[in-house]
Amino acid sequence: MTAAASLGEASSFPGRLNKAKKTTPPEFTVT
């Protein structure tokens, strides 16, 4: 993976995490 790809992955992580919180049932979320 290139540095640019790593940076893109890191910058998009909060958005994916936020989406996961909204779409995952509470019993499956890790707090």
Protein backbone atom coordinates (compact mmCIF):
# COMPACT_ATOMS: atom_id res chain seq x y z
CA MET A 1 0.00 0.00 0.00
CA THR A 2 1.30 3.44 -0.88
CA ALA A 3 1.57 6.31 1.57
CA ALA A 4 -1.23 8.11 -0.28
CA ALA A 5 -3.47 5.05 -0.01
CA SER A 6 -2.68 4.75 3.69
CA LEU A 7 -3.54 8.41 4.22
CA GLY A 8 -6.80 8.02 2.33
CA GLU A 9 -7.67 4.97 4.40
CA ALA A 10 -6.93 6.84 7.63
CA SER A 11 -8.94 9.91 6.62
CA SER A 12 -11.96 7.83 5.60
CA PHE A 13 -11.92 5.66 8.72
CA PRO A 14 -13.96 8.01 10.97
CA GLY A 15 -16.70 8.13 8.34
CA ARG A 16 -16.82 4.33 8.04
CA LEU A 17 -16.79 3.96 11.81
CA ASN A 18 -19.65 6.44 12.15
CA LYS A 19 -21.65 4.58 9.49
CA ALA A 20 -20.97 1.27 11.24
CA LYS A 21 -22.31 2.68 14.51
CA LYS A 22 -25.54 3.68 12.77
CA THR A 23 -26.05 0.39 10.94
CA THR A 24 -24.87 -2.11 13.56
CA PRO A 25 -27.25 -3.34 16.28
CA PRO A 26 -26.17 -2.21 19.79
CA GLU A 27 -25.34 -5.75 20.87
CA PHE A 28 -22.69 -5.91 18.15
CA THR A 29 -21.10 -2.51 18.75
CA VAL A 30 -17.87 -2.35 20.73
CA THR A 31 -17.75 0.55 23.14
